[in-house]
PDB file of N, CA and C in Angstrom:
ATOM      1  N   MET A   1     -10.300  -6.995  19.383  1.00  0.00           N
ATOM      2  CA  MET A   1     -11.540  -6.288  19.579  1.00  0.00           C
ATOM      3  C   MET A   1     -11.330  -5.992  21.057  1.00  0.00           C
ATOM      4  N   ASP A   2     -11.790  -4.447  21.228  1.00  0.00           N
ATOM      5  CA  ASP A   2     -11.615  -4.262  22.799  1.00  0.00           C
ATOM      6  C   ASP A   2     -13.028  -4.241  23.443  1.00  0.00           C
ATOM      7  N   LEU A   3     -14.079  -4.291  22.723  1.00  0.00           N
ATOM      8  CA  LEU A   3     -15.568  -4.401  23.261  1.00  0.00           C
ATOM      9  C   LEU A   3     -15.871  -3.454  24.338  1.00  0.00           C
ATOM     10  N   ALA A   4     -15.350  -2.307  24.218  1.00  0.00           N
ATOM     11  CA  ALA A   4     -15.790  -1.322  25.217  1.00  0.00           C
ATOM     12  C   ALA A   4     -16.986  -0.506  24.690  1.00  0.00           C
ATOM     13  N   GLY A   5     -17.249  -0.689  23.409  1.00  0.00           N
ATOM     14  CA  GLY A   5     -18.543  -0.160  22.940  1.00  0.00           C
ATOM     15  C   GLY A   5     -18.976  -1.087  21.826  1.00  0.00           C
ATOM     16  N   ILE A   6     -20.033  -0.663  21.190  1.00  0.00           N
ATOM     17  CA  ILE A   6     -20.675  -1.588  20.191  1.00  0.00           C
ATOM     18  C   ILE A   6     -20.017  -1.685  18.856  1.00  0.00           C
ATOM     19  N   ILE A   7     -19.959  -2.861  18.414  1.00  0.00           N
ATOM     20  CA  ILE A   7     -19.291  -2.945  17.095  1.00  0.00           C
ATOM     21  C   ILE A   7     -20.393  -3.722  16.326  1.00  0.00           C
ATOM     22  N   ASN A   8     -20.725  -3.204  15.223  1.00  0.00           N
ATOM     23  CA  ASN A   8     -21.800  -3.609  14.279  1.00  0.00           C
ATOM     24  C   ASN A   8     -21.194  -4.323  12.952  1.00  0.00           C
ATOM     25  N   ILE A   9     -21.442  -5.489  12.755  1.00  0.00           N
ATOM     26  CA  ILE A   9     -20.627  -6.186  11.644  1.00  0.00           C
ATOM     27  C   ILE A   9     -21.855  -6.679  10.577  1.00  0.00           C
ATOM     28  N   GLY A  10     -21.823  -6.312   9.376  1.00  0.00           N
ATOM     29  CA  GLY A  10     -22.740  -6.642   8.423  1.00  0.00           C
ATOM     30  C   GLY A  10     -22.677  -7.937   7.960  1.00  0.00           C
ATOM     31  N   ASP A  11     -23.472  -8.434   6.999  1.00  0.00           N
ATOM     32  CA  ASP A  11     -23.336  -9.568   6.313  1.00  0.00           C
ATOM     33  C   ASP A  11     -22.158  -9.914   5.450  1.00  0.00           C
ATOM     34  N   ASN A  12     -21.782 -11.018   5.253  1.00  0.00           N
ATOM     35  CA  ASN A  12     -20.553 -11.241   4.234  1.00  0.00           C
ATOM     36  C   ASN A  12     -19.341 -10.226   4.375  1.00  0.00           C
ATOM     37  N   VAL A  13     -18.938  -9.963   5.639  1.00  0.00           N
ATOM     38  CA  VAL A  13     -17.977  -9.047   6.005  1.00  0.00           C
ATOM     39  C   VAL A  13     -16.762 -10.284   6.169  1.00  0.00           C
ATOM     40  N   VAL A  14     -15.509  -9.752   5.477  1.00  0.00           N
ATOM     41  CA  VAL A  14     -14.305 -10.535   5.552  1.00  0.00           C
ATOM     42  C   VAL A  14     -13.407  -9.718   6.505  1.00  0.00           C
ATOM     43  N   ILE A  15     -12.945 -10.299   7.579  1.00  0.00           N
ATOM     44  CA  ILE A  15     -12.020  -9.852   8.613  1.00  0.00           C
ATOM     45  C   ILE A  15     -10.889 -10.638   8.729  1.00  0.00           C
ATOM     46  N   SER A  16      -9.747 -10.220   8.090  1.00  0.00           N
ATOM     47  CA  SER A  16      -8.582 -10.872   7.835  1.00  0.00           C
ATOM     48  C   SER A  16      -7.965 -11.058   9.199  1.00  0.00           C
ATOM     49  N   GLY A  17      -6.690 -11.722   9.253  1.00  0.00           N
ATOM     50  CA  GLY A  17      -5.911 -12.042  10.412  1.00  0.00           C
ATOM     51  C   GLY A  17      -5.296 -10.691  11.016  1.00  0.00           C
ATOM     52  N   ARG A  18      -5.153 -10.723  12.248  1.00  0.00           N
ATOM     53  CA  ARG A  18      -4.439  -9.515  13.042  1.00  0.00           C
ATOM     54  C   ARG A  18      -5.313  -8.176  12.790  1.00  0.00           C
ATOM     55  N   VAL A  19      -6.589  -8.185  12.529  1.00  0.00           N
ATOM     56  CA  VAL A  19      -7.278  -6.939  12.453  1.00  0.00           C
ATOM     57  C   VAL A  19      -7.573  -6.596  13.784  1.00  0.00           C
ATOM     58  N   SER A  20      -7.360  -5.244  14.080  1.00  0.00           N
ATOM     59  CA  SER A  20      -7.691  -4.725  15.368  1.00  0.00           C
ATOM     60  C   SER A  20      -9.060  -3.847  15.239  1.00  0.00           C
ATOM     61  N   ILE A  21      -9.998  -3.934  15.973  1.00  0.00           N
ATOM     62  CA  ILE A  21     -11.188  -3.000  15.956  1.00  0.00           C
ATOM     63  C   ILE A  21     -11.355  -2.446  17.381  1.00  0.00           C
ATOM     64  N   LEU A  22     -11.189  -1.056  17.409  1.00  0.00           N
ATOM     65  CA  LEU A  22     -11.041  -0.454  18.620  1.00  0.00           C
ATOM     66  C   LEU A  22     -12.300   0.347  18.802  1.00  0.00           C
ATOM     67  N   THR A  23     -12.973   0.436  19.914  1.00  0.00           N
ATOM     68  CA  THR A  23     -14.148   1.507  20.303  1.00  0.00           C
ATOM     69  C   THR A  23     -13.592   2.361  21.209  1.00  0.00           C
ATOM     70  N   HIS A  24     -12.504   2.259  21.860  1.00  0.00           N
ATOM     71  CA  HIS A  24     -12.187   3.506  22.647  1.00  0.00           C
ATOM     72  C   HIS A  24     -10.488   3.526  22.627  1.00  0.00           C
ATOM     73  N   ALA A  25     -10.172   4.787  22.722  1.00  0.00           N
ATOM     74  CA  ALA A  25      -8.726   5.136  22.812  1.00  0.00           C
ATOM     75  C   ALA A  25      -8.392   5.911  23.861  1.00  0.00           C
ATOM     76  N   ASP A  26      -8.115   5.475  25.093  1.00  0.00           N
ATOM     77  CA  ASP A  26      -7.832   6.409  26.272  1.00  0.00           C
ATOM     78  C   ASP A  26      -7.100   5.559  27.217  1.00  0.00           C
ATOM     79  N   CYS A  27      -6.418   6.085  28.097  1.00  0.00           N
ATOM     80  CA  CYS A  27      -5.723   5.411  29.175  1.00  0.00           C
ATOM     81  C   CYS A  27      -5.437   6.447  30.132  1.00  0.00           C
ATOM     82  N   ASN A  28      -4.879   5.889  31.372  1.00  0.00           N
ATOM     83  CA  ASN A  28      -4.427   6.734  32.428  1.00  0.00           C
ATOM     84  C   ASN A  28      -3.244   7.647  31.947  1.00  0.00           C
ATOM     85  N   ARG A  29      -3.392   8.921  31.800  1.00  0.00           N
ATOM     86  CA  ARG A  29      -2.305   9.651  31.319  1.00  0.00           C
ATOM     87  C   ARG A  29      -2.225  10.993  32.319  1.00  0.00           C
ATOM     88  N   SER A  30      -1.095  11.792  32.023  1.00  0.00           N
ATOM     89  CA  SER A  30      -1.032  12.978  32.843  1.00  0.00           C
ATOM     90  C   SER A  30      -2.093  13.933  32.404  1.00  0.00           C
ATOM     91  N   ALA A  31      -2.427  15.044  33.151  1.00  0.00           N
ATOM     92  CA  ALA A  31      -3.215  15.978  32.752  1.00  0.00           C
ATOM     93  C   ALA A  31      -2.952  16.568  31.405  1.00  0.00           C
ATOM     94  N   PHE A  32      -1.648  16.969  31.336  1.00  0.00           N
ATOM     95  CA  PHE A  32      -0.954  17.590  30.138  1.00  0.00           C
ATOM     96  C   PHE A  32      -1.376  16.648  28.939  1.00  0.00           C
ATOM     97  N   LEU A  33      -1.041  15.401  28.974  1.00  0.00           N
ATOM     98  CA  LEU A  33      -1.281  14.644  27.794  1.00  0.00           C
ATOM     99  C   LEU A  33      -2.813  14.380  27.410  1.00  0.00           C
ATOM    100  N   SER A  34      -3.525  14.387  28.581  1.00  0.00           N
ATOM    101  CA  SER A  34      -4.954  14.249  28.186  1.00  0.00           C
ATOM    102  C   SER A  34      -5.577  15.373  27.611  1.00  0.00           C
ATOM    103  N   ARG A  35      -5.002  16.624  27.801  1.00  0.00           N
ATOM    104  CA  ARG A  35      -5.543  17.894  27.079  1.00  0.00           C
ATOM    105  C   ARG A  35      -4.861  17.835  25.658  1.00  0.00           C
ATOM    106  N   LEU A  36      -3.796  17.107  25.439  1.00  0.00           N
ATOM    107  CA  LEU A  36      -3.425  17.177  23.919  1.00  0.00           C
ATOM    108  C   LEU A  36      -4.019  15.957  23.238  1.00  0.00           C
ATOM    109  N   TYR A  37      -4.337  14.930  23.899  1.00  0.00           N
ATOM    110  CA  TYR A  37      -4.766  13.947  23.023  1.00  0.00           C
ATOM    111  C   TYR A  37      -6.011  13.418  24.004  1.00  0.00           C
ATOM    112  N   PRO A  38      -7.187  13.962  23.809  1.00  0.00           N
ATOM    113  CA  PRO A  38      -8.458  13.599  24.626  1.00  0.00           C
ATOM    114  C   PRO A  38      -8.540  12.213  24.147  1.00  0.00           C
ATOM    115  N   GLY A  39      -9.230  11.391  25.107  1.00  0.00           N
ATOM    116  CA  GLY A  39      -9.675  10.030  24.804  1.00  0.00           C
ATOM    117  C   GLY A  39     -10.774  10.059  23.623  1.00  0.00           C
ATOM    118  N   ARG A  40     -10.950   8.967  23.106  1.00  0.00           N
ATOM    119  CA  ARG A  40     -11.913   8.976  21.949  1.00  0.00           C
ATOM    120  C   ARG A  40     -12.668   7.529  22.025  1.00  0.00           C
ATOM    121  N   ARG A  41     -13.957   7.686  22.066  1.00  0.00           N
ATOM    122  CA  ARG A  41     -14.869   6.544  22.164  1.00  0.00           C
ATOM    123  C   ARG A  41     -15.778   6.548  21.185  1.00  0.00           C
ATOM    124  N   GLY A  42     -16.416   5.380  20.796  1.00  0.00           N
ATOM    125  CA  GLY A  42     -17.500   5.357  19.813  1.00  0.00           C
ATOM    126  C   GLY A  42     -17.521   4.022  19.147  1.00  0.00           C
ATOM    127  N   CYS A  43     -18.895   3.765  18.631  1.00  0.00           N
ATOM    128  CA  CYS A  43     -19.144   2.544  17.977  1.00  0.00           C
ATOM    129  C   CYS A  43     -18.625   2.516  16.743  1.00  0.00           C
ATOM    130  N   VAL A  44     -18.369   1.393  16.193  1.00  0.00           N
ATOM    131  CA  VAL A  44     -17.712   0.960  15.036  1.00  0.00           C
ATOM    132  C   VAL A  44     -18.826   0.080  14.075  1.00  0.00           C
ATOM    133  N   ASN A  45     -19.098   0.635  13.123  1.00  0.00           N
ATOM    134  CA  ASN A  45     -19.909   0.060  12.105  1.00  0.00           C
ATOM    135  C   ASN A  45     -19.168  -0.463  10.703  1.00  0.00           C
ATOM    136  N   ILE A  46     -19.230  -1.720  10.501  1.00  0.00           N
ATOM    137  CA  ILE A  46     -18.693  -2.397   9.261  1.00  0.00           C
ATOM    138  C   ILE A  46     -19.861  -2.808   8.483  1.00  0.00           C
ATOM    139  N   GLU A  47     -20.102  -2.237   7.279  1.00  0.00           N
ATOM    140  CA  GLU A  47     -21.210  -2.530   6.645  1.00  0.00           C
ATOM    141  C   GLU A  47     -21.108  -3.752   5.671  1.00  0.00           C
ATOM    142  N   ASP A  48     -22.250  -4.389   5.096  1.00  0.00           N
ATOM    143  CA  ASP A  48     -22.253  -5.492   4.289  1.00  0.00           C
ATOM    144  C   ASP A  48     -21.283  -5.549   3.362  1.00  0.00           C
ATOM    145  N   GLY A  49     -20.639  -6.834   3.086  1.00  0.00           N
ATOM    146  CA  GLY A  49     -19.690  -7.030   2.166  1.00  0.00           C
ATOM    147  C   GLY A  49     -18.362  -6.411   2.286  1.00  0.00           C
ATOM    148  N   ALA A  50     -17.993  -5.667   3.196  1.00  0.00           N
ATOM    149  CA  ALA A  50     -16.543  -5.121   3.437  1.00  0.00           C
ATOM    150  C   ALA A  50     -15.708  -6.249   3.618  1.00  0.00           C
ATOM    151  N   TRP A  51     -14.365  -5.787   3.199  1.00  0.00           N
ATOM    152  CA  TRP A  51     -13.208  -6.585   3.539  1.00  0.00           C
ATOM    153  C   TRP A  51     -12.110  -5.924   3.972  1.00  0.00           C
ATOM    154  N   LEU A  52     -11.717  -6.278   5.262  1.00  0.00           N
ATOM    155  CA  LEU A  52     -10.627  -5.537   5.966  1.00  0.00           C
ATOM    156  C   LEU A  52      -9.350  -6.617   5.712  1.00  0.00           C
ATOM    157  N   GLY A  53      -8.331  -5.947   5.087  1.00  0.00           N
ATOM    158  CA  GLY A  53      -7.050  -6.773   4.956  1.00  0.00           C
ATOM    159  C   GLY A  53      -6.292  -7.062   6.215  1.00  0.00           C
ATOM    160  N   PHE A  54      -5.362  -7.891   5.939  1.00  0.00           N
ATOM    161  CA  PHE A  54      -4.531  -8.337   7.241  1.00  0.00           C
ATOM    162  C   PHE A  54      -3.911  -7.200   7.999  1.00  0.00           C
ATOM    163  N   GLY A  55      -3.962  -7.237   9.322  1.00  0.00           N
ATOM    164  CA  GLY A  55      -3.487  -6.277   9.968  1.00  0.00           C
ATOM    165  C   GLY A  55      -4.065  -4.805  10.033  1.00  0.00           C
ATOM    166  N   THR A  56      -5.149  -4.626   9.533  1.00  0.00           N
ATOM    167  CA  THR A  56      -5.945  -3.424   9.428  1.00  0.00           C
ATOM    168  C   THR A  56      -6.252  -2.900  10.920  1.00  0.00           C
ATOM    169  N   ILE A  57      -6.076  -1.764  11.385  1.00  0.00           N
ATOM    170  CA  ILE A  57      -6.507  -1.140  12.563  1.00  0.00           C
ATOM    171  C   ILE A  57      -7.803  -0.274  12.226  1.00  0.00           C
ATOM    172  N   VAL A  58      -8.806  -0.479  12.969  1.00  0.00           N
ATOM    173  CA  VAL A  58     -10.126   0.303  12.820  1.00  0.00           C
ATOM    174  C   VAL A  58     -10.083   1.113  14.321  1.00  0.00           C
ATOM    175  N   LEU A  59     -10.179   2.540  14.093  1.00  0.00           N
ATOM    176  CA  LEU A  59     -10.232   3.349  15.345  1.00  0.00           C
ATOM    177  C   LEU A  59     -11.757   3.659  15.648  1.00  0.00           C
ATOM    178  N   PRO A  60     -12.038   3.966  16.820  1.00  0.00           N
ATOM    179  CA  PRO A  60     -13.186   4.275  17.516  1.00  0.00           C
ATOM    180  C   PRO A  60     -14.161   5.273  16.565  1.00  0.00           C
ATOM    181  N   GLY A  61     -15.452   4.967  16.708  1.00  0.00           N
ATOM    182  CA  GLY A  61     -16.341   5.873  15.885  1.00  0.00           C
ATOM    183  C   GLY A  61     -16.355   5.823  14.585  1.00  0.00           C
ATOM    184  N   VAL A  62     -15.794   4.693  13.725  1.00  0.00           N
ATOM    185  CA  VAL A  62     -15.841   4.794  12.307  1.00  0.00           C
ATOM    186  C   VAL A  62     -16.703   3.779  11.682  1.00  0.00           C
ATOM    187  N   THR A  63     -17.249   4.349  10.475  1.00  0.00           N
ATOM    188  CA  THR A  63     -18.077   3.517   9.660  1.00  0.00           C
ATOM    189  C   THR A  63     -17.345   3.065   8.452  1.00  0.00           C
ATOM    190  N   ILE A  64     -17.147   1.777   8.211  1.00  0.00           N
ATOM    191  CA  ILE A  64     -16.622   1.375   6.763  1.00  0.00           C
ATOM    192  C   ILE A  64     -17.808   1.026   5.990  1.00  0.00           C
ATOM    193  N   GLY A  65     -17.823   1.717   4.691  1.00  0.00           N
ATOM    194  CA  GLY A  65     -19.057   1.598   3.955  1.00  0.00           C
ATOM    195  C   GLY A  65     -19.192   0.228   3.169  1.00  0.00           C
ATOM    196  N   LYS A  66     -20.352  -0.057   2.719  1.00  0.00           N
ATOM    197  CA  LYS A  66     -20.547  -1.202   2.178  1.00  0.00           C
ATOM    198  C   LYS A  66     -19.836  -1.730   1.054  1.00  0.00           C
ATOM    199  N   GLU A  67     -19.334  -2.847   0.956  1.00  0.00           N
ATOM    200  CA  GLU A  67     -18.541  -3.521  -0.272  1.00  0.00           C
ATOM    201  C   GLU A  67     -17.261  -2.642  -0.509  1.00  0.00           C
ATOM    202  N   THR A  68     -16.540  -2.211   0.613  1.00  0.00           N
ATOM    203  CA  THR A  68     -15.330  -1.599   0.567  1.00  0.00           C
ATOM    204  C   THR A  68     -14.212  -2.454   0.858  1.00  0.00           C
ATOM    205  N   VAL A  69     -13.153  -2.266   0.277  1.00  0.00           N
ATOM    206  CA  VAL A  69     -11.896  -3.022   0.581  1.00  0.00           C
ATOM    207  C   VAL A  69     -10.789  -2.159   1.192  1.00  0.00           C
ATOM    208  N   VAL A  70     -10.388  -2.665   2.383  1.00  0.00           N
ATOM    209  CA  VAL A  70      -9.392  -1.800   3.136  1.00  0.00           C
ATOM    210  C   VAL A  70      -8.097  -2.702   3.012  1.00  0.00           C
ATOM    211  N   ALA A  71      -7.066  -2.119   2.452  1.00  0.00           N
ATOM    212  CA  ALA A  71      -5.781  -2.775   2.149  1.00  0.00           C
ATOM    213  C   ALA A  71      -5.112  -3.167   3.474  1.00  0.00           C
ATOM    214  N   ALA A  72      -4.261  -4.211   3.425  1.00  0.00           N
ATOM    215  CA  ALA A  72      -3.679  -4.832   4.419  1.00  0.00           C
ATOM    216  C   ALA A  72      -2.717  -3.673   5.204  1.00  0.00           C
ATOM    217  N   GLY A  73      -2.661  -3.582   6.530  1.00  0.00           N
ATOM    218  CA  GLY A  73      -2.029  -2.775   7.173  1.00  0.00           C
ATOM    219  C   GLY A  73      -2.562  -1.258   7.376  1.00  0.00           C
ATOM    220  N   SER A  74      -3.500  -1.094   6.765  1.00  0.00           N
ATOM    221  CA  SER A  74      -4.153   0.272   6.863  1.00  0.00           C
ATOM    222  C   SER A  74      -4.750   0.570   8.220  1.00  0.00           C
ATOM    223  N   VAL A  75      -4.694   1.967   8.422  1.00  0.00           N
ATOM    224  CA  VAL A  75      -5.315   2.421   9.693  1.00  0.00           C
ATOM    225  C   VAL A  75      -6.478   3.314   9.383  1.00  0.00           C
ATOM    226  N   VAL A  76      -7.827   2.944   9.794  1.00  0.00           N
ATOM    227  CA  VAL A  76      -9.022   3.746   9.484  1.00  0.00           C
ATOM    228  C   VAL A  76      -9.237   4.560  10.638  1.00  0.00           C
ATOM    229  N   ALA A  77      -9.152   5.759  10.378  1.00  0.00           N
ATOM    230  CA  ALA A  77      -9.526   6.758  11.354  1.00  0.00           C
ATOM    231  C   ALA A  77     -10.653   7.579  11.191  1.00  0.00           C
ATOM    232  N   GLU A  78     -11.302   7.517   9.965  1.00  0.00           N
ATOM    233  CA  GLU A  78     -12.381   8.339   9.715  1.00  0.00           C
ATOM    234  C   GLU A  78     -13.400   7.387   8.804  1.00  0.00           C
ATOM    235  N   ASP A  79     -14.752   7.781   8.710  1.00  0.00           N
ATOM    236  CA  ASP A  79     -15.480   6.996   7.942  1.00  0.00           C
ATOM    237  C   ASP A  79     -15.030   6.851   6.585  1.00  0.00           C
ATOM    238  N   ILE A  80     -15.310   5.751   6.021  1.00  0.00           N
ATOM    239  CA  ILE A  80     -14.959   5.599   4.555  1.00  0.00           C
ATOM    240  C   ILE A  80     -16.133   5.193   3.712  1.00  0.00           C
ATOM    241  N   GLU A  81     -16.056   5.539   2.412  1.00  0.00           N
ATOM    242  CA  GLU A  81     -17.254   5.478   1.351  1.00  0.00           C
ATOM    243  C   GLU A  81     -17.561   4.034   1.096  1.00  0.00           C
ATOM    244  N   PRO A  82     -18.726   3.635   0.760  1.00  0.00           N
ATOM    245  CA  PRO A  82     -18.895   2.381   0.016  1.00  0.00           C
ATOM    246  C   PRO A  82     -18.192   2.180  -1.274  1.00  0.00           C
ATOM    247  N   ARG A  83     -18.205   0.929  -1.674  1.00  0.00           N
ATOM    248  CA  ARG A  83     -17.576   0.473  -3.024  1.00  0.00           C
ATOM    249  C   ARG A  83     -16.372   1.184  -3.392  1.00  0.00           C
ATOM    250  N   SER A  84     -15.333   1.393  -2.456  1.00  0.00           N
ATOM    251  CA  SER A  84     -13.930   2.030  -2.578  1.00  0.00           C
ATOM    252  C   SER A  84     -12.984   1.030  -2.128  1.00  0.00           C
ATOM    253  N   LEU A  85     -11.693   1.526  -2.587  1.00  0.00           N
ATOM    254  CA  LEU A  85     -10.492   0.945  -2.229  1.00  0.00           C
ATOM    255  C   LEU A  85      -9.878   1.947  -1.414  1.00  0.00           C
ATOM    256  N   TYR A  86      -9.616   1.410  -0.305  1.00  0.00           N
ATOM    257  CA  TYR A  86      -8.655   2.390   0.840  1.00  0.00           C
ATOM    258  C   TYR A  86      -7.435   1.805   1.211  1.00  0.00           C
ATOM    259  N   ALA A  87      -6.311   2.507   1.333  1.00  0.00           N
ATOM    260  CA  ALA A  87      -5.072   1.862   1.737  1.00  0.00           C
ATOM    261  C   ALA A  87      -4.251   3.117   2.568  1.00  0.00           C
ATOM    262  N   GLY A  88      -3.361   2.719   3.323  1.00  0.00           N
ATOM    263  CA  GLY A  88      -2.425   3.521   3.959  1.00  0.00           C
ATOM    264  C   GLY A  88      -2.740   3.866   5.460  1.00  0.00           C
ATOM    265  N   THR A  89      -1.706   4.696   6.059  1.00  0.00           N
ATOM    266  CA  THR A  89      -1.805   5.102   7.471  1.00  0.00           C
ATOM    267  C   THR A  89      -1.753   6.694   7.494  1.00  0.00           C
ATOM    268  N   PRO A  90      -2.953   7.289   7.667  1.00  0.00           N
ATOM    269  CA  PRO A  90      -4.178   6.942   7.768  1.00  0.00           C
ATOM    270  C   PRO A  90      -4.736   6.400   6.297  1.00  0.00           C
ATOM    271  N   ALA A  91      -5.893   5.492   6.413  1.00  0.00           N
ATOM    272  CA  ALA A  91      -6.452   5.096   5.199  1.00  0.00           C
ATOM    273  C   ALA A  91      -6.968   6.168   4.345  1.00  0.00           C
ATOM    274  N   LYS A  92      -6.641   6.119   3.054  1.00  0.00           N
ATOM    275  CA  LYS A  92      -7.027   7.227   2.090  1.00  0.00           C
ATOM    276  C   LYS A  92      -7.640   6.454   0.803  1.00  0.00           C
ATOM    277  N   LYS A  93      -8.717   7.161   0.183  1.00  0.00           N
ATOM    278  CA  LYS A  93      -9.330   6.587  -0.841  1.00  0.00           C
ATOM    279  C   LYS A  93      -8.400   6.476  -2.012  1.00  0.00           C
ATOM    280  N   ILE A  94      -8.209   5.317  -2.566  1.00  0.00           N
ATOM    281  CA  ILE A  94      -7.431   5.048  -3.821  1.00  0.00           C
ATOM    282  C   ILE A  94      -8.362   4.899  -5.098  1.00  0.00           C
ATOM    283  N   LYS A  95      -9.385   4.535  -4.944  1.00  0.00           N
ATOM    284  CA  LYS A  95     -10.229   4.490  -6.104  1.00  0.00           C
ATOM    285  C   LYS A  95     -11.658   3.905  -5.866  1.00  0.00           C
ATOM    286  N   ASP A  96     -12.616   4.278  -6.689  1.00  0.00           N
ATOM    287  CA  ASP A  96     -13.886   3.683  -6.635  1.00  0.00           C
ATOM    288  C   ASP A  96     -13.915   2.283  -7.063  1.00  0.00           C
ATOM    289  N   LEU A  97     -14.787   1.361  -6.597  1.00  0.00           N
ATOM    290  CA  LEU A  97     -14.785   0.056  -7.160  1.00  0.00           C
ATOM    291  C   LEU A  97     -16.029  -0.101  -7.956  1.00  0.00           C
ATOM    292  N   PHE A  98     -16.101  -0.990  -9.042  1.00  0.00           N
ATOM    293  CA  PHE A  98     -17.222  -1.106 -10.115  1.00  0.00           C
ATOM    294  C   PHE A  98     -17.373  -2.421 -10.225  1.00  0.00           C
ATOM    295  N   GLU A  99     -18.704  -2.803 -10.607  1.00  0.00           N
ATOM    296  CA  GLU A  99     -18.913  -4.230 -11.227  1.00  0.00           C
ATOM    297  C   GLU A  99     -18.045  -4.564 -12.009  1.00  0.00           C
ATOM    298  N   GLY A 100     -17.499  -5.797 -12.204  1.00  0.00           N
ATOM    299  CA  GLY A 100     -16.453  -6.212 -13.151  1.00  0.00           C
ATOM    300  C   GLY A 100     -14.932  -5.913 -12.953  1.00  0.00           C
ATOM    301  N   ASP A 101     -14.736  -5.170 -11.879  1.00  0.00           N
ATOM    302  CA  ASP A 101     -13.354  -4.837 -11.495  1.00  0.00           C
ATOM    303  C   ASP A 101     -12.730  -6.252 -11.019  1.00  0.00           C
ATOM    304  N   LEU A 102     -11.670  -6.377 -11.493  1.00  0.00           N
ATOM    305  CA  LEU A 102     -10.869  -7.684 -11.037  1.00  0.00           C
ATOM    306  C   LEU A 102      -9.941  -7.375 -10.050  1.00  0.00           C
ATOM    307  N   ILE A 103      -9.667  -8.502  -9.189  1.00  0.00           N
ATOM    308  CA  ILE A 103      -8.742  -8.232  -7.792  1.00  0.00           C
ATOM    309  C   ILE A 103      -7.375  -7.724  -8.384  1.00  0.00           C
ATOM    310  N   GLU A 104      -6.953  -8.407  -9.657  1.00  0.00           N
ATOM    311  CA  GLU A 104      -5.627  -7.798 -10.124  1.00  0.00           C
ATOM    312  C   GLU A 104      -5.520  -6.477 -10.278  1.00  0.00           C
ATOM    313  N   ASP A 105      -6.682  -5.821 -10.814  1.00  0.00           N
ATOM    314  CA  ASP A 105      -6.662  -4.368 -10.863  1.00  0.00           C
ATOM    315  C   ASP A 105      -6.707  -3.437  -9.492  1.00  0.00           C
ATOM    316  N   LEU A 106      -6.795  -4.287  -8.393  1.00  0.00           N
ATOM    317  CA  LEU A 106      -6.634  -3.315  -7.243  1.00  0.00           C
ATOM    318  C   LEU A 106      -5.293  -3.392  -6.747  1.00  0.00           C
TER     319      LEU A 106
END
């Protein structure tokens, strides 16, 4: 966690090992690179019951919805919906999650 901005973490959130939560993405760069890749800042919100798998990276300004699972090694670059499974780089929705789903089904 870089703590340059606010990180809101809800109740019963699981943050696995080597998860990175970033609230800013900027550094000293040339004027040319700064125009191509402007800095990004923003609060991160992780809602109740979310589960961030091992090695997940959460970028600035993102909200992770309630009771969502983010698969190991994913990069969350945009807001993600509640009660869903996301995976990949960047993280994409794989499926909705429902009562009675078994972890083996994920």
